[in-house]
Amino acid sequence: MTENQFKESAAGWQNEFSASITIIASDFTILYMNDKSAAVNAKWGGKALIGKDVRACQQGRNERRVH
């Protein structure tokens, strides 16, 4: 599912949801971030992280959990 397909199917509820949502593909590529997720990850690039490998964004213990 592409980011645009997700946005169309979710009909906007994801930005009203009170938690951060990050959708990651099976190849570890970040497909989507809602506004809260972008804000939480702002110091690492926020929505500019979309399309990047999530493993490159993780360090130490968290990286092991992603694999």
N, C-alpha and C. Protein backbone atom coordinates (compact mmCIF):
# COMPACT_ATOMS: atom_id res chain seq x y z
N MET A 1 0.85 -1.18 0.00
CA MET A 1 0.00 0.00 0.00
C MET A 1 0.89 1.23 0.00
N THR A 2 0.60 2.15 -0.86
CA THR A 2 1.37 3.38 -0.92
C THR A 2 0.82 4.38 0.10
N GLU A 3 1.57 5.44 0.32
CA GLU A 3 1.11 6.48 1.25
C GLU A 3 -0.21 7.07 0.79
N ASN A 4 -0.34 7.34 -0.51
CA ASN A 4 -1.59 7.92 -1.02
C ASN A 4 -2.77 6.97 -0.86
N GLN A 5 -2.56 5.68 -1.10
CA GLN A 5 -3.63 4.70 -0.90
C GLN A 5 -4.06 4.66 0.56
N PHE A 6 -3.07 4.73 1.47
CA PHE A 6 -3.40 4.73 2.90
C PHE A 6 -4.21 5.96 3.25
N LYS A 7 -3.76 7.12 2.78
CA LYS A 7 -4.47 8.36 3.10
C LYS A 7 -5.91 8.31 2.60
N GLU A 8 -6.11 7.79 1.39
CA GLU A 8 -7.46 7.71 0.84
C GLU A 8 -8.33 6.75 1.64
N SER A 9 -7.78 5.62 2.04
CA SER A 9 -8.57 4.62 2.75
C SER A 9 -8.84 5.02 4.20
N ALA A 10 -7.97 5.80 4.80
CA ALA A 10 -8.13 6.17 6.20
C ALA A 10 -9.06 7.36 6.40
N ALA A 11 -9.34 8.09 5.37
CA ALA A 11 -10.30 9.21 5.39
C ALA A 11 -10.01 10.26 6.45
N GLY A 12 -8.77 10.44 6.83
CA GLY A 12 -8.39 11.54 7.70
C GLY A 12 -8.45 11.29 9.19
N TRP A 13 -9.02 10.18 9.65
CA TRP A 13 -9.13 9.95 11.09
C TRP A 13 -7.78 9.88 11.77
N GLN A 14 -6.74 9.49 11.02
CA GLN A 14 -5.43 9.26 11.63
C GLN A 14 -4.82 10.53 12.23
N ASN A 15 -5.16 11.70 11.73
CA ASN A 15 -4.62 12.93 12.31
C ASN A 15 -5.44 13.40 13.51
N GLU A 16 -6.64 12.86 13.68
CA GLU A 16 -7.45 13.17 14.85
C GLU A 16 -7.15 12.21 16.00
N PHE A 17 -6.56 11.08 15.69
CA PHE A 17 -6.21 10.07 16.69
C PHE A 17 -5.12 10.64 17.60
N SER A 18 -5.19 10.37 18.89
CA SER A 18 -4.30 11.03 19.85
C SER A 18 -2.91 10.40 19.97
N ALA A 19 -2.63 9.36 19.20
CA ALA A 19 -1.31 8.72 19.26
C ALA A 19 -0.59 8.89 17.93
N SER A 20 0.72 8.71 17.97
CA SER A 20 1.46 8.79 16.72
C SER A 20 1.30 7.47 15.97
N ILE A 21 1.15 7.58 14.65
CA ILE A 21 0.99 6.41 13.79
C ILE A 21 2.07 6.48 12.71
N THR A 22 2.85 5.42 12.63
CA THR A 22 3.85 5.30 11.57
C THR A 22 3.61 3.96 10.90
N ILE A 23 3.40 3.97 9.58
CA ILE A 23 3.18 2.75 8.82
C ILE A 23 4.48 2.41 8.11
N ILE A 24 4.92 1.15 8.31
CA ILE A 24 6.20 0.69 7.76
C ILE A 24 5.95 -0.53 6.89
N ALA A 25 6.52 -0.56 5.69
CA ALA A 25 6.37 -1.68 4.76
C ALA A 25 7.22 -2.86 5.21
N SER A 26 6.99 -4.00 4.61
CA SER A 26 7.73 -5.21 4.96
C SER A 26 9.22 -5.09 4.66
N ASP A 27 9.59 -4.15 3.80
CA ASP A 27 11.01 -3.92 3.52
C ASP A 27 11.60 -2.82 4.42
N PHE A 28 10.85 -2.45 5.47
CA PHE A 28 11.25 -1.47 6.49
C PHE A 28 11.23 -0.02 6.01
N THR A 29 10.60 0.24 4.87
CA THR A 29 10.46 1.60 4.37
C THR A 29 9.28 2.28 5.06
N ILE A 30 9.48 3.50 5.54
CA ILE A 30 8.40 4.26 6.16
C ILE A 30 7.46 4.72 5.05
N LEU A 31 6.20 4.30 5.14
CA LEU A 31 5.20 4.64 4.13
C LEU A 31 4.36 5.85 4.51
N TYR A 32 4.12 6.01 5.81
CA TYR A 32 3.20 7.06 6.25
C TYR A 32 3.48 7.44 7.69
N MET A 33 3.30 8.72 7.99
CA MET A 33 3.36 9.22 9.36
C MET A 33 2.20 10.19 9.53
N ASN A 34 1.42 10.03 10.62
CA ASN A 34 0.41 11.05 10.87
C ASN A 34 1.10 12.28 11.45
N ASP A 35 0.34 13.34 11.67
CA ASP A 35 0.94 14.59 12.15
C ASP A 35 1.64 14.42 13.51
N LYS A 36 1.04 13.63 14.40
CA LYS A 36 1.65 13.41 15.72
C LYS A 36 2.98 12.67 15.58
N SER A 37 3.04 11.66 14.71
CA SER A 37 4.28 10.93 14.48
C SER A 37 5.35 11.86 13.90
N ALA A 38 4.95 12.70 12.97
CA ALA A 38 5.89 13.66 12.39
C ALA A 38 6.43 14.61 13.45
N ALA A 39 5.56 15.05 14.37
CA ALA A 39 5.99 15.95 15.44
C ALA A 39 6.95 15.25 16.41
N VAL A 40 6.61 14.01 16.77
CA VAL A 40 7.47 13.23 17.69
C VAL A 40 8.85 12.99 17.06
N ASN A 41 8.87 12.83 15.75
CA ASN A 41 10.12 12.53 15.04
C ASN A 41 10.71 13.75 14.34
N ALA A 42 10.27 14.93 14.71
CA ALA A 42 10.71 16.16 14.04
C ALA A 42 12.22 16.36 14.07
N LYS A 43 12.85 16.05 15.19
CA LYS A 43 14.30 16.29 15.26
C LYS A 43 15.10 15.35 14.36
N TRP A 44 14.42 14.30 13.86
CA TRP A 44 15.08 13.37 12.93
C TRP A 44 14.63 13.61 11.49
N GLY A 45 13.76 14.60 11.29
CA GLY A 45 13.32 14.92 9.94
C GLY A 45 11.82 14.91 9.73
N GLY A 46 11.05 14.42 10.70
CA GLY A 46 9.60 14.41 10.56
C GLY A 46 9.14 13.69 9.30
N LYS A 47 8.25 14.30 8.56
CA LYS A 47 7.69 13.66 7.36
C LYS A 47 8.73 13.44 6.27
N ALA A 48 9.89 14.08 6.38
CA ALA A 48 10.97 13.82 5.41
C ALA A 48 11.50 12.40 5.54
N LEU A 49 11.15 11.72 6.63
CA LEU A 49 11.57 10.33 6.83
C LEU A 49 10.77 9.36 5.96
N ILE A 50 9.63 9.81 5.45
CA ILE A 50 8.81 8.94 4.59
C ILE A 50 9.65 8.54 3.37
N GLY A 51 9.66 7.23 3.11
CA GLY A 51 10.45 6.69 2.01
C GLY A 51 11.80 6.17 2.44
N LYS A 52 12.19 6.46 3.67
CA LYS A 52 13.49 6.01 4.19
C LYS A 52 13.33 4.70 4.95
N ASP A 53 14.43 4.00 5.12
CA ASP A 53 14.47 2.75 5.86
C ASP A 53 14.41 3.06 7.35
N VAL A 54 13.41 2.52 8.05
CA VAL A 54 13.23 2.81 9.47
C VAL A 54 14.42 2.33 10.29
N ARG A 55 15.12 1.31 9.84
CA ARG A 55 16.27 0.80 10.59
C ARG A 55 17.39 1.83 10.66
N ALA A 56 17.47 2.70 9.68
CA ALA A 56 18.48 3.76 9.69
C ALA A 56 18.13 4.83 10.72
N CYS A 57 16.87 4.86 11.14
CA CYS A 57 16.40 5.86 12.11
C CYS A 57 16.52 5.34 13.54
N GLN A 58 16.77 4.07 13.72
CA GLN A 58 16.80 3.45 15.04
C GLN A 58 18.24 3.31 15.52
N GLN A 59 18.39 3.25 16.83
CA GLN A 59 19.72 3.06 17.41
C GLN A 59 19.63 2.09 18.57
N GLY A 60 20.67 1.29 18.75
CA GLY A 60 20.76 0.43 19.92
C GLY A 60 19.63 -0.54 20.09
N ARG A 61 19.02 -0.55 21.25
CA ARG A 61 17.99 -1.50 21.61
C ARG A 61 16.78 -1.44 20.68
N ASN A 62 16.35 -0.25 20.30
CA ASN A 62 15.20 -0.13 19.42
C ASN A 62 15.44 -0.77 18.06
N GLU A 63 16.66 -0.68 17.57
CA GLU A 63 16.97 -1.29 16.28
C GLU A 63 16.76 -2.81 16.33
N ARG A 64 17.13 -3.44 17.43
CA ARG A 64 16.93 -4.88 17.56
C ARG A 64 15.44 -5.24 17.55
N ARG A 65 14.61 -4.37 18.11
CA ARG A 65 13.16 -4.64 18.14
C ARG A 65 12.54 -4.52 16.75
N VAL A 66 13.10 -3.70 15.88
CA VAL A 66 12.56 -3.50 14.54
C VAL A 66 12.82 -4.73 13.67
N HIS A 67 13.94 -5.37 13.86
CA HIS A 67 14.29 -6.52 13.02
C HIS A 67 13.42 -7.63 13.42
